[in-house]
Amino acid sequence: MPEESETKTSGVTPGERKVTVIGGGQKPPEPKPEAPPERKVTVIGGGSPPSQPFAKPADASQERKPTVIGGGQKPPEPKPEAPPERKVTVMGGSKPVETPKVSQPASPPTAIPPRTAPTQPTPVKTMPVKQATAIAGEVRKGVEVTREELLKYEPGTPPDVLEEAQRILKGVIIKLLTDAKGVQWGDERQRAYGELTEKSLKLVGLKQAQDSGRHLTRLFTLLNEINEALSKKPAKGLFRKLNDPREEFDERKPELDQLRGLLEQALPEIAKAEAELLALADEFNKLAIAIDAESLAARYLADKLVDKDKTRLIQALEDRGASLTKTAANIRHGMVVRAQAESNLRILKLQITEGVRNALPGWIESVIIVFQQPIPTETDLYGLRAGLGDILQRLTK
């Protein structure tokens, strides 16, 4: 039978609870009061914990301690982690905002300026100067001849030909004069003559000038027919229409207008050809003087200066001199013919300008005004005949 338990009540304060030991066991040690657990701050979202933790109570005995379950050791307190670095997110392809850089103040210049390497000039290559040798040589000079000597060789030569021949001979070195140069003497001048002649042929045979001559002839014929109709006395009665000058004029007026238009179109080309022929005349004249001088120089060299044993060179110079003389004669003969061609163009230009352009339109206007009357008077018809006679005279000058 179990022993009855004995309850001690002495020394117990009211309201204090005691442990009752059952079965004679020893009284267990009283547990020490535990401190309340320390509260930690929970950081949500990776943010940084606050700089100040929760304030501890004034009474240290009331500090709360973590409870260890199962006899384990107190876990180490976690170290606060550094907050993650926040990066800028770029939206829509725009450029991120750059962090402004703090410029460092420039350091003051040193007292000693930096040395720079002097610029070296680019060396200029100079050509070596050839010094004259001490060996005596022969100075080559052209043919020196006076105008008097040339005039004595060929009397009657014009002064401009003598001057040109003197210049040509001054450029000739006898020892360098070969047979080939003799054969080609003055050939360039003759080619120039051929080129000028081709230009002259185109101007003399100008198509507009030839057509204008035929047009003027036809115009003259038409105006003469109208003049005869104006000179006839008008018939009376039933035969009045037989000699009516108005019908003669109306019948020929379309052709008159056509001829006037063609002549007006040809006038600028005719005037241009006349001016070019005048310019060619000056060129032909200068060329004739040069060719005469070439001929004189060639014959003078062959007779006076070339060694007699150089028969081929002498013969070549003589042949070229004769050929050049003929060319100069052809130029002067052609100048007479070209002067006549220039005169023909000048007359043709005046006929078209004075007769067709200036006088004819006004006369046609007068005819139209007179023929608007029912019966033209004799005075009106006389005035028309006088005006037409003046036009015919201008067309025949």
Protein backbone atom coordinates (compact mmCIF):
# COMPACT_ATOMS: atom_id res chain seq x y z
CA MET A 1 0.00 0.00 0.00
CA PRO A 2 1.57 3.24 -0.93
CA GLU A 3 2.76 5.65 1.56
CA GLU A 4 0.63 8.60 2.20
CA SER A 5 2.11 11.78 0.93
CA GLU A 6 2.93 14.53 3.22
CA THR A 7 2.21 18.05 2.33
CA LYS A 8 4.36 20.81 3.76
CA THR A 9 2.75 24.16 4.01
CA SER A 10 5.11 25.99 6.24
CA GLY A 11 6.99 28.92 4.68
CA VAL A 12 4.73 29.13 1.70
CA THR A 13 3.47 32.48 0.72
CA PRO A 14 -0.04 32.81 -0.34
CA GLY A 15 -0.64 32.38 -4.01
CA GLU A 16 2.66 30.48 -4.48
CA ARG A 17 2.38 27.14 -6.07
CA LYS A 18 4.53 24.24 -4.88
CA VAL A 19 5.41 21.05 -6.52
CA THR A 20 3.97 17.96 -4.92
CA VAL A 21 6.29 14.98 -4.94
CA ILE A 22 4.50 11.70 -5.18
CA GLY A 23 6.06 8.39 -4.29
CA GLY A 24 8.91 9.68 -2.10
CA GLY A 25 10.96 11.04 -4.93
CA GLN A 26 13.21 13.97 -4.62
CA LYS A 27 12.05 17.39 -5.33
CA PRO A 28 13.06 18.39 -8.89
CA PRO A 29 15.16 21.50 -9.30
CA GLU A 30 13.26 24.57 -9.96
CA PRO A 31 13.64 25.81 -13.56
CA LYS A 32 15.20 29.15 -14.08
CA PRO A 33 13.01 31.75 -15.67
CA GLU A 34 13.69 31.97 -19.38
CA ALA A 35 14.27 35.21 -21.11
CA PRO A 36 11.79 36.13 -23.82
CA PRO A 37 13.03 35.45 -27.42
CA GLU A 38 14.75 38.26 -29.27
CA ARG A 39 12.71 39.59 -32.11
CA LYS A 40 14.42 39.82 -35.47
CA VAL A 41 13.50 42.05 -38.36
CA THR A 42 12.29 40.20 -41.40
CA VAL A 43 13.37 41.87 -44.66
CA ILE A 44 10.92 41.24 -47.51
CA GLY A 45 11.82 41.84 -51.18
CA GLY A 46 15.58 42.10 -50.82
CA GLY A 47 15.49 45.50 -49.14
CA SER A 48 18.01 46.62 -46.59
CA PRO A 49 17.16 46.37 -42.86
CA PRO A 50 16.51 49.57 -40.99
CA SER A 51 19.49 51.37 -39.60
CA GLN A 52 18.12 51.21 -36.03
CA PRO A 53 16.92 47.86 -34.61
CA PHE A 54 14.03 47.63 -32.25
CA ALA A 55 14.82 49.27 -28.93
CA LYS A 56 15.72 46.89 -26.19
CA PRO A 57 13.72 47.07 -23.02
CA ALA A 58 15.15 49.00 -20.13
CA ASP A 59 15.29 45.90 -17.98
CA ALA A 60 17.99 43.55 -19.21
CA SER A 61 16.32 40.71 -17.40
CA GLN A 62 13.38 41.01 -19.69
CA GLU A 63 15.47 40.53 -22.81
CA ARG A 64 14.05 37.73 -24.86
CA LYS A 65 16.32 34.88 -25.87
CA PRO A 66 15.70 32.33 -28.56
CA THR A 67 14.40 28.95 -27.30
CA VAL A 68 16.52 25.96 -28.18
CA ILE A 69 14.49 22.82 -28.68
CA GLY A 70 15.97 19.34 -28.41
CA GLY A 71 19.18 20.30 -26.59
CA GLY A 72 20.76 21.79 -29.67
CA GLN A 73 23.12 24.69 -29.68
CA LYS A 74 22.06 28.19 -30.28
CA PRO A 75 22.09 28.84 -34.03
CA PRO A 76 24.48 31.51 -35.18
CA GLU A 77 22.95 34.84 -35.82
CA PRO A 78 22.66 35.58 -39.56
CA LYS A 79 24.85 38.36 -40.85
CA PRO A 80 23.02 41.13 -42.62
CA GLU A 81 23.41 40.80 -46.41
CA ALA A 82 24.31 43.71 -48.58
CA PRO A 83 21.37 44.87 -50.70
CA PRO A 84 21.60 43.77 -54.33
CA GLU A 85 22.82 46.37 -56.82
CA ARG A 86 19.96 47.91 -58.68
CA LYS A 87 20.43 48.31 -62.44
CA VAL A 88 18.59 50.58 -64.76
CA THR A 89 16.17 48.84 -67.09
CA VAL A 90 16.15 50.31 -70.63
CA MET A 91 12.67 50.36 -72.17
CA GLY A 92 11.90 50.71 -75.89
CA GLY A 93 15.52 50.76 -77.13
CA SER A 94 16.32 54.15 -75.59
CA LYS A 95 19.77 54.86 -74.31
CA PRO A 96 20.41 54.56 -70.58
CA VAL A 97 21.09 57.71 -68.66
CA GLU A 98 24.78 58.05 -68.21
CA THR A 99 26.07 58.90 -64.84
CA PRO A 100 27.70 62.29 -65.05
CA LYS A 101 31.38 62.10 -64.60
CA VAL A 102 33.01 64.49 -62.25
CA SER A 103 35.72 66.28 -64.14
CA GLN A 104 39.01 66.47 -62.43
CA PRO A 105 40.59 69.86 -62.25
CA ALA A 106 43.37 70.27 -64.75
CA SER A 107 46.78 70.17 -63.27
CA PRO A 108 48.68 73.43 -63.55
CA PRO A 109 51.34 73.53 -66.25
CA THR A 110 54.83 72.81 -65.24
CA ALA A 111 57.42 75.48 -65.29
CA ILE A 112 59.39 73.69 -68.01
CA PRO A 113 57.54 73.59 -71.38
CA PRO A 114 57.55 70.24 -73.19
CA ARG A 115 60.08 69.87 -75.92
CA THR A 116 58.84 69.22 -79.43
CA ALA A 117 60.95 67.74 -82.13
CA PRO A 118 61.76 70.37 -84.79
CA THR A 119 60.11 69.80 -88.16
CA GLN A 120 62.64 68.70 -90.71
CA PRO A 121 62.09 70.22 -94.17
CA THR A 122 61.61 67.79 -97.02
CA PRO A 123 64.84 67.62 -98.93
CA VAL A 124 64.51 68.92 -102.48
CA LYS A 125 66.25 66.93 -105.14
CA THR A 126 68.32 69.21 -107.26
CA MET A 127 69.41 68.25 -110.70
CA PRO A 128 73.12 68.30 -111.19
CA VAL A 129 74.29 71.26 -113.20
CA LYS A 130 76.36 70.28 -116.15
CA GLN A 131 79.44 72.36 -116.36
CA ALA A 132 80.78 73.42 -119.68
CA THR A 133 83.80 71.47 -120.79
CA ALA A 134 87.05 73.07 -121.64
CA ILE A 135 87.03 71.51 -125.13
CA ALA A 136 86.58 74.18 -127.74
CA GLY A 137 83.52 73.62 -129.97
CA GLU A 138 81.93 75.19 -133.00
CA VAL A 139 79.07 77.65 -132.46
CA ARG A 140 76.27 76.90 -134.88
CA LYS A 141 74.42 79.91 -136.19
CA GLY A 142 71.75 80.45 -138.76
CA VAL A 143 72.30 82.14 -142.09
CA GLU A 144 72.87 85.85 -141.63
CA VAL A 145 71.89 87.81 -144.72
CA THR A 146 70.84 91.41 -145.19
CA ARG A 147 67.86 92.69 -147.10
CA GLU A 148 70.12 94.41 -149.55
CA GLU A 149 71.75 91.09 -150.47
CA LEU A 150 68.37 89.47 -150.98
CA LEU A 151 67.11 92.40 -153.05
CA LYS A 152 70.27 92.24 -155.17
CA TYR A 153 69.69 88.51 -155.71
CA GLU A 154 66.05 89.05 -156.78
CA PRO A 155 65.26 92.67 -157.67
CA GLY A 156 61.72 93.97 -157.29
CA THR A 157 60.92 91.82 -154.28
CA PRO A 158 58.42 93.54 -151.94
CA PRO A 159 59.79 94.60 -148.51
CA ASP A 160 57.46 92.29 -146.54
CA VAL A 161 58.70 89.29 -148.58
CA LEU A 162 62.34 90.30 -147.97
CA GLU A 163 61.72 90.54 -144.22
CA GLU A 164 60.09 87.12 -144.04
CA ALA A 165 62.83 85.49 -146.14
CA GLN A 166 65.49 87.00 -143.88
CA ARG A 167 63.74 85.50 -140.83
CA ILE A 168 63.48 82.05 -142.48
CA LEU A 169 67.18 81.96 -143.40
CA LYS A 170 68.18 82.94 -139.89
CA GLY A 171 66.73 79.65 -138.63
CA VAL A 172 68.65 77.49 -141.13
CA ILE A 173 71.93 75.78 -140.16
CA ILE A 174 73.73 74.76 -143.33
CA LYS A 175 75.47 71.70 -141.88
CA LEU A 176 72.14 70.31 -140.60
CA LEU A 177 70.35 70.85 -143.90
CA THR A 178 69.71 67.38 -145.34
CA ASP A 179 68.22 66.12 -148.60
CA ALA A 180 64.98 65.17 -146.79
CA LYS A 181 64.57 68.70 -145.45
CA GLY A 182 65.19 70.07 -148.92
CA VAL A 183 62.44 67.86 -150.40
CA GLN A 184 59.95 69.03 -147.73
CA TRP A 185 60.88 72.71 -147.92
CA GLY A 186 57.74 74.89 -147.66
CA ASP A 187 55.41 71.89 -147.69
CA GLU A 188 53.52 73.11 -144.59
CA ARG A 189 52.72 76.40 -146.31
CA GLN A 190 51.24 74.61 -149.30
CA ARG A 191 49.04 72.47 -147.04
CA ALA A 192 47.73 75.65 -145.41
CA TYR A 193 46.87 76.97 -148.89
CA GLY A 194 44.85 73.82 -149.60
CA GLU A 195 42.88 74.18 -146.35
CA LEU A 196 42.04 77.83 -147.04
CA THR A 197 40.95 76.98 -150.58
CA GLU A 198 38.47 74.37 -149.27
CA LYS A 199 36.90 76.97 -146.98
CA SER A 200 36.67 79.43 -149.86
CA LEU A 201 34.95 76.89 -152.11
CA LYS A 202 32.22 76.29 -149.53
CA LEU A 203 31.53 80.01 -149.22
CA VAL A 204 31.59 80.75 -152.93
CA GLY A 205 29.27 77.83 -153.68
CA LEU A 206 26.85 78.67 -150.86
CA LYS A 207 23.50 77.05 -151.67
CA GLN A 208 21.49 79.85 -150.07
CA ALA A 209 23.21 82.37 -152.34
CA GLN A 210 22.52 80.34 -155.49
CA ASP A 211 18.87 79.80 -154.56
CA SER A 212 18.44 83.47 -153.68
CA GLY A 213 19.68 84.49 -157.12
CA ARG A 214 16.98 82.36 -158.77
CA HIS A 215 14.32 83.66 -156.37
CA LEU A 216 15.21 87.25 -157.16
CA THR A 217 14.95 86.55 -160.89
CA ARG A 218 11.46 85.08 -160.49
CA LEU A 219 10.40 87.96 -158.23
CA PHE A 220 11.59 90.47 -160.81
CA THR A 221 9.53 88.72 -163.49
CA LEU A 222 6.34 88.76 -161.38
CA LEU A 223 6.72 92.43 -160.55
CA ASN A 224 7.25 93.29 -164.20
CA GLU A 225 4.01 91.51 -165.12
CA ILE A 226 2.14 93.50 -162.47
CA ASN A 227 3.75 96.72 -163.74
CA GLU A 228 2.51 96.02 -167.27
CA ALA A 229 -1.01 95.46 -165.95
CA LEU A 230 -0.88 98.77 -164.11
CA SER A 231 0.33 100.56 -167.25
CA LYS A 232 -2.62 99.45 -169.37
CA LYS A 233 -5.64 101.70 -169.58
CA PRO A 234 -8.69 100.14 -167.97
CA ALA A 235 -11.29 98.90 -170.47
CA LYS A 236 -14.87 100.08 -170.40
CA GLY A 237 -18.18 98.30 -170.61
CA LEU A 238 -18.19 94.54 -171.03
CA PHE A 239 -14.39 94.36 -171.53
CA ARG A 240 -13.57 96.10 -168.26
CA LYS A 241 -12.37 92.91 -166.54
CA LEU A 242 -9.91 92.07 -169.28
CA ASN A 243 -7.47 94.80 -168.22
CA ASP A 244 -8.21 94.86 -164.49
CA PRO A 245 -4.86 95.17 -162.61
CA ARG A 246 -6.47 93.93 -159.41
CA GLU A 247 -6.91 90.47 -160.85
CA GLU A 248 -3.30 90.42 -162.04
CA PHE A 249 -2.11 91.37 -158.55
CA ASP A 250 -4.37 88.93 -156.68
CA GLU A 251 -3.27 86.09 -158.95
CA ARG A 252 0.44 86.69 -158.27
CA LYS A 253 0.35 87.76 -154.62
CA PRO A 254 0.67 84.20 -153.07
CA GLU A 255 3.87 83.57 -155.05
CA LEU A 256 5.17 87.03 -154.12
CA ASP A 257 4.72 86.26 -150.42
CA GLN A 258 6.45 82.89 -150.80
CA LEU A 259 9.48 84.41 -152.53
CA ARG A 260 9.74 87.15 -149.91
CA GLY A 261 9.83 84.53 -147.13
CA LEU A 262 12.54 82.46 -148.83
CA LEU A 263 14.75 85.48 -149.41
CA GLU A 264 14.36 86.63 -145.80
CA GLN A 265 15.46 83.21 -144.55
CA ALA A 266 18.56 83.21 -146.77
CA LEU A 267 19.70 86.71 -145.86
CA PRO A 268 21.58 85.84 -142.58
CA GLU A 269 23.61 83.07 -144.26
CA ILE A 270 24.50 85.35 -147.16
CA ALA A 271 25.74 88.09 -144.82
CA LYS A 272 27.79 85.55 -142.84
CA ALA A 273 29.41 84.16 -146.00
CA GLU A 274 30.36 87.67 -147.09
CA ALA A 275 32.11 88.37 -143.76
CA GLU A 276 34.00 85.06 -143.85
CA LEU A 277 35.20 85.68 -147.39
CA LEU A 278 36.61 89.04 -146.31
CA ALA A 279 38.48 87.33 -143.46
CA LEU A 280 39.81 84.66 -145.83
CA ALA A 281 41.13 87.34 -148.16
CA ASP A 282 43.42 88.60 -145.38
CA GLU A 283 44.64 85.07 -144.64
CA PHE A 284 45.34 84.38 -148.31
CA ASN A 285 47.32 87.60 -148.58
CA LYS A 286 49.52 86.73 -145.57
CA LEU A 287 50.03 83.21 -146.87
CA ALA A 288 51.09 84.47 -150.30
CA ILE A 289 53.80 86.63 -148.70
CA ALA A 290 55.06 83.67 -146.63
CA ILE A 291 55.16 81.33 -149.64
CA ASP A 292 57.03 83.91 -151.74
CA ALA A 293 59.57 84.22 -148.91
CA GLU A 294 59.96 80.41 -148.71
CA SER A 295 60.60 80.27 -152.44
CA LEU A 296 63.17 83.08 -152.29
CA ALA A 297 65.00 81.46 -149.35
CA ALA A 298 65.13 78.05 -151.07
CA ARG A 299 66.60 79.46 -154.29
CA TYR A 300 69.09 81.63 -152.42
CA LEU A 301 70.36 78.64 -150.43
CA ALA A 302 70.72 76.52 -153.57
CA ASP A 303 72.68 79.22 -155.45
CA LYS A 304 74.80 80.83 -152.74
CA LEU A 305 75.33 78.66 -149.65
CA VAL A 306 75.01 74.94 -150.30
CA ASP A 307 78.16 73.12 -151.37
CA LYS A 308 78.17 72.33 -155.06
CA ASP A 309 78.88 68.66 -154.44
CA LYS A 310 75.44 68.27 -152.74
CA THR A 311 73.65 68.01 -156.02
CA ARG A 312 70.57 66.24 -154.67
CA LEU A 313 69.99 68.92 -152.01
CA ILE A 314 70.50 71.70 -154.53
CA GLN A 315 68.06 70.08 -156.96
CA ALA A 316 65.47 69.60 -154.20
CA LEU A 317 65.71 73.25 -153.14
CA GLU A 318 65.39 74.47 -156.72
CA ASP A 319 62.33 72.27 -157.34
CA ARG A 320 60.66 73.42 -154.14
CA GLY A 321 61.39 77.05 -154.95
CA ALA A 322 59.70 76.74 -158.35
CA SER A 323 56.70 74.92 -156.89
CA LEU A 324 56.25 77.52 -154.18
CA THR A 325 56.40 80.31 -156.76
CA LYS A 326 53.54 78.70 -158.69
CA THR A 327 51.52 78.33 -155.47
CA ALA A 328 51.93 82.01 -154.68
CA ALA A 329 50.78 82.88 -158.23
CA ASN A 330 47.70 80.69 -157.81
CA ILE A 331 46.89 82.44 -154.54
CA ARG A 332 47.02 85.87 -156.13
CA HIS A 333 44.89 84.76 -159.05
CA GLY A 334 42.40 83.20 -156.65
CA MET A 335 42.27 86.42 -154.67
CA VAL A 336 40.86 88.18 -157.74
CA VAL A 337 38.21 85.50 -158.19
CA ARG A 338 37.31 85.50 -154.49
CA ALA A 339 37.02 89.28 -154.53
CA GLN A 340 34.43 88.93 -157.31
CA ALA A 341 32.56 86.29 -155.28
CA GLU A 342 32.57 88.57 -152.25
CA SER A 343 31.23 91.39 -154.38
CA ASN A 344 28.41 89.17 -155.69
CA LEU A 345 27.39 88.27 -152.14
CA ARG A 346 27.46 91.92 -151.11
CA ILE A 347 25.21 92.92 -154.05
CA LEU A 348 22.84 90.05 -153.37
CA LYS A 349 22.61 91.06 -149.73
CA LEU A 350 21.84 94.66 -150.69
CA GLN A 351 19.15 93.58 -153.20
CA ILE A 352 17.37 91.49 -150.60
CA THR A 353 17.77 94.07 -147.84
CA GLU A 354 16.83 97.20 -149.79
CA GLY A 355 14.40 95.81 -152.36
CA VAL A 356 12.69 92.86 -150.68
CA ARG A 357 12.87 93.68 -146.98
CA ASN A 358 12.57 97.48 -146.96
CA ALA A 359 10.62 98.54 -150.07
CA LEU A 360 8.42 95.64 -151.21
CA PRO A 361 6.19 95.21 -148.11
CA GLY A 362 5.22 98.89 -148.09
CA TRP A 363 4.38 98.84 -151.80
CA ILE A 364 2.18 95.72 -151.42
CA GLU A 365 0.32 97.48 -148.61
CA SER A 366 -0.32 100.49 -150.89
CA VAL A 367 -1.63 98.24 -153.66
CA ILE A 368 -4.12 96.58 -151.31
CA ILE A 369 -5.39 99.95 -150.07
CA VAL A 370 -5.81 101.35 -153.61
CA PHE A 371 -7.58 98.25 -154.90
CA GLN A 372 -10.10 98.43 -152.07
CA GLN A 373 -11.66 101.39 -153.93
CA PRO A 374 -14.40 100.53 -156.42
CA ILE A 375 -12.65 102.31 -159.26
CA PRO A 376 -8.93 103.26 -158.75
CA THR A 377 -8.07 106.67 -160.03
CA GLU A 378 -5.36 107.31 -162.56
CA THR A 379 -3.38 109.14 -159.92
CA ASP A 380 -3.45 106.13 -157.63
CA LEU A 381 -2.32 103.83 -160.40
CA TYR A 382 0.49 106.20 -161.33
CA GLY A 383 1.71 106.19 -157.74
CA LEU A 384 1.74 102.38 -157.72
CA ARG A 385 3.72 102.30 -160.97
CA ALA A 386 6.28 104.76 -159.61
CA GLY A 387 6.76 102.77 -156.41
CA LEU A 388 7.11 99.54 -158.33
CA GLY A 389 9.68 101.09 -160.66
CA ASP A 390 11.80 102.04 -157.64
CA ILE A 391 11.66 98.46 -156.36
CA LEU A 392 12.66 97.01 -159.74
CA GLN A 393 15.59 99.38 -159.85
CA ARG A 394 16.79 98.24 -156.40
CA LEU A 395 16.54 94.62 -157.46
CA THR A 396 18.81 95.21 -160.48
CA LYS A 397 21.64 97.14 -158.79
